[in-house]
Structure formats: C-alpha cells, structure tokens
C-alpha atoms as a PDB file:
ATOM      1  CA  UNK A   1       1.903  -9.512  -8.210  1.00  0.00           C
ATOM      2  CA  UNK A   2      -1.632  -8.208  -8.554  1.00  0.00           C
ATOM      3  CA  UNK A   3      -2.484  -4.511  -8.585  1.00  0.00           C
ATOM      4  CA  UNK A   4      -5.618  -3.738  -6.594  1.00  0.00           C
ATOM      5  CA  UNK A   5      -7.918  -0.820  -7.335  1.00  0.00           C
ATOM      6  CA  UNK A   6      -9.592   1.275  -4.639  1.00  0.00           C
ATOM      7  CA  UNK A   7     -12.738  -0.894  -4.159  1.00  0.00           C
ATOM      8  CA  UNK A   8     -10.561  -3.950  -3.469  1.00  0.00           C
ATOM      9  CA  UNK A   9      -8.304  -1.945  -1.145  1.00  0.00           C
ATOM     10  CA  UNK A  10     -11.330  -0.820   0.867  1.00  0.00           C
ATOM     11  CA  UNK A  11     -12.482  -4.439   1.118  1.00  0.00           C
ATOM     12  CA  UNK A  12      -9.061  -5.713   2.248  1.00  0.00           C
ATOM     13  CA  UNK A  13      -8.613  -2.947   4.817  1.00  0.00           C
ATOM     14  CA  UNK A  14     -12.225  -2.827   5.964  1.00  0.00           C
ATOM     15  CA  UNK A  15     -12.725   0.825   5.027  1.00  0.00           C
ATOM     16  CA  UNK A  16     -16.143   1.952   3.891  1.00  0.00           C
ATOM     17  CA  UNK A  17     -15.256   5.231   2.197  1.00  0.00           C
ATOM     18  CA  UNK A  18     -12.631   6.267  -0.336  1.00  0.00           C
ATOM     19  CA  UNK A  19     -11.708   9.138   1.972  1.00  0.00           C
ATOM     20  CA  UNK A  20     -10.717   6.673   4.699  1.00  0.00           C
ATOM     21  CA  UNK A  21      -8.031   5.193   2.463  1.00  0.00           C
ATOM     22  CA  UNK A  22      -6.735   8.606   1.414  1.00  0.00           C
ATOM     23  CA  UNK A  23      -6.729   9.791   5.050  1.00  0.00           C
ATOM     24  CA  UNK A  24      -4.649   6.732   5.964  1.00  0.00           C
ATOM     25  CA  UNK A  25      -2.199   7.593   3.174  1.00  0.00           C
ATOM     26  CA  UNK A  26      -1.880  11.186   4.427  1.00  0.00           C
ATOM     27  CA  UNK A  27      -1.327   9.894   7.970  1.00  0.00           C
ATOM     28  CA  UNK A  28       1.428   7.562   6.760  1.00  0.00           C
ATOM     29  CA  UNK A  29      -0.639   4.480   7.619  1.00  0.00           C
ATOM     30  CA  UNK A  30      -0.971   3.193   4.060  1.00  0.00           C
ATOM     31  CA  UNK A  31       1.185   3.263   0.967  1.00  0.00           C
ATOM     32  CA  UNK A  32       0.667   5.693  -1.877  1.00  0.00           C
ATOM     33  CA  UNK A  33      -0.861   4.362  -5.064  1.00  0.00           C
ATOM     34  CA  UNK A  34       1.139   3.552  -8.166  1.00  0.00           C
ATOM     35  CA  UNK A  35       0.171   4.919 -11.553  1.00  0.00           C
ATOM     36  CA  UNK A  36      -1.544   2.321 -13.722  1.00  0.00           C
ATOM     37  CA  UNK A  37      -2.905   4.782 -16.241  1.00  0.00           C
ATOM     38  CA  UNK A  38      -3.168   8.499 -16.894  1.00  0.00           C
ATOM     39  CA  UNK A  39      -5.771   8.977 -14.168  1.00  0.00           C
ATOM     40  CA  UNK A  40      -5.736   5.621 -12.402  1.00  0.00           C
ATOM     41  CA  UNK A  41      -3.928   4.413  -9.296  1.00  0.00           C
ATOM     42  CA  UNK A  42      -3.581   0.980  -7.832  1.00  0.00           C
ATOM     43  CA  UNK A  43      -1.744  -0.768  -5.020  1.00  0.00           C
ATOM     44  CA  UNK A  44       0.314  -3.957  -5.021  1.00  0.00           C
ATOM     45  CA  UNK A  45      -1.667  -6.684  -3.298  1.00  0.00           C
ATOM     46  CA  UNK A  46       1.213  -7.664  -1.010  1.00  0.00           C
ATOM     47  CA  UNK A  47       1.277  -4.136   0.460  1.00  0.00           C
ATOM     48  CA  UNK A  48      -2.414  -4.161   1.352  1.00  0.00           C
ATOM     49  CA  UNK A  49      -2.109  -7.663   2.808  1.00  0.00           C
ATOM     50  CA  UNK A  50       0.960  -6.721   4.895  1.00  0.00           C
ATOM     51  CA  UNK A  51      -0.738  -3.646   6.343  1.00  0.00           C
ATOM     52  CA  UNK A  52      -3.973  -5.536   7.065  1.00  0.00           C
ATOM     53  CA  UNK A  53      -1.964  -8.309   8.774  1.00  0.00           C
ATOM     54  CA  UNK A  54      -0.156  -5.717  10.899  1.00  0.00           C
ATOM     55  CA  UNK A  55      -3.506  -4.280  12.011  1.00  0.00           C
ATOM     56  CA  UNK A  56      -4.804  -7.752  12.885  1.00  0.00           C
ATOM     57  CA  UNK A  57      -1.607  -8.427  14.852  1.00  0.00           C
ATOM     58  CA  UNK A  58      -2.310  -5.308  16.927  1.00  0.00           C
ATOM     59  CA  UNK A  59       0.627  -3.244  15.698  1.00  0.00           C
ATOM     60  CA  UNK A  60       0.638   0.401  16.746  1.00  0.00           C
ATOM     61  CA  UNK A  61       0.296   3.288  14.313  1.00  0.00           C
ATOM     62  CA  UNK A  62       4.023   3.999  14.742  1.00  0.00           C
ATOM     63  CA  UNK A  63       4.865   0.400  13.809  1.00  0.00           C
ATOM     64  CA  UNK A  64       2.577   0.559  10.781  1.00  0.00           C
ATOM     65  CA  UNK A  65       4.208   3.814   9.657  1.00  0.00           C
ATOM     66  CA  UNK A  66       7.563   2.013   9.756  1.00  0.00           C
ATOM     67  CA  UNK A  67       6.055  -0.858   7.745  1.00  0.00           C
ATOM     68  CA  UNK A  68       4.812   1.635   5.146  1.00  0.00           C
ATOM     69  CA  UNK A  69       8.352   3.043   4.859  1.00  0.00           C
ATOM     70  CA  UNK A  70       9.719  -0.475   4.348  1.00  0.00           C
ATOM     71  CA  UNK A  71       7.104  -1.220   1.685  1.00  0.00           C
ATOM     72  CA  UNK A  72       7.933   2.004  -0.161  1.00  0.00           C
ATOM     73  CA  UNK A  73      11.634   1.114   0.003  1.00  0.00           C
ATOM     74  CA  UNK A  74      10.836  -2.333  -1.402  1.00  0.00           C
ATOM     75  CA  UNK A  75       9.224  -0.653  -4.426  1.00  0.00           C
ATOM     76  CA  UNK A  76      12.467   1.198  -5.091  1.00  0.00           C
ATOM     77  CA  UNK A  77      14.443  -2.014  -4.661  1.00  0.00           C
ATOM     78  CA  UNK A  78      12.176  -3.809  -7.133  1.00  0.00           C
ATOM     79  CA  UNK A  79      12.583  -0.980  -9.645  1.00  0.00           C
ATOM     80  CA  UNK A  80      16.375  -1.153  -9.342  1.00  0.00           C
ATOM     81  CA  UNK A  81      16.353  -4.927  -9.788  1.00  0.00           C
ATOM     82  CA  UNK A  82      14.090  -4.577 -12.809  1.00  0.00           C
ATOM     83  CA  UNK A  83      16.522  -2.073 -14.325  1.00  0.00           C
ATOM     84  CA  UNK A  84      19.428  -4.485 -13.834  1.00  0.00           C
ATOM     85  CA  UNK A  85      17.524  -7.336 -15.471  1.00  0.00           C
ATOM     86  CA  UNK A  86      16.698  -5.251 -18.543  1.00  0.00           C
END
C-alpha cells in the first residue's frame, strides 16, 4: 500500500485546490487522512482510487458516502488484523 500526500490526492481526484479535498471530507465524500507524522496526513492509495472509480462510474453522492464508510471500516479491519498478527 502506498500513502499519498495531498498533491497526489488532488491529481487523482481532479481537484485544483486543497480546500476542495477538505470540503469533500467534511461532506463525507472522501476519507479522512491518516497520521504519517506529527503534522502530516496522507491517504491510502486504494481509497483514492476507489473513490475516483466510483465518480467515473457515475455513482451518486449517497453511494460515495456509503463507499467512504466501507473504506473507513476496512481501515479498522486492517488494524485488527495487524494486531492479531503481532
């Protein structure tokens, strides 16, 4: 898995401004960032790709909000699996 920083996220999603990404997060249309440092956030590449693919497929905002919930749940699942493997 690759963690993408904001400039790459904007490129993948087609946003021009940082605020567009953060507005999408507030609207539930994009996942929240994960901490990769004290003041740095990033996003798993598969999340950005899944959301971009949903947009291309013509999914509604409601469907994308559900996808975001699934992606957040997958993070929790991955964390639990990682804890079991340790």
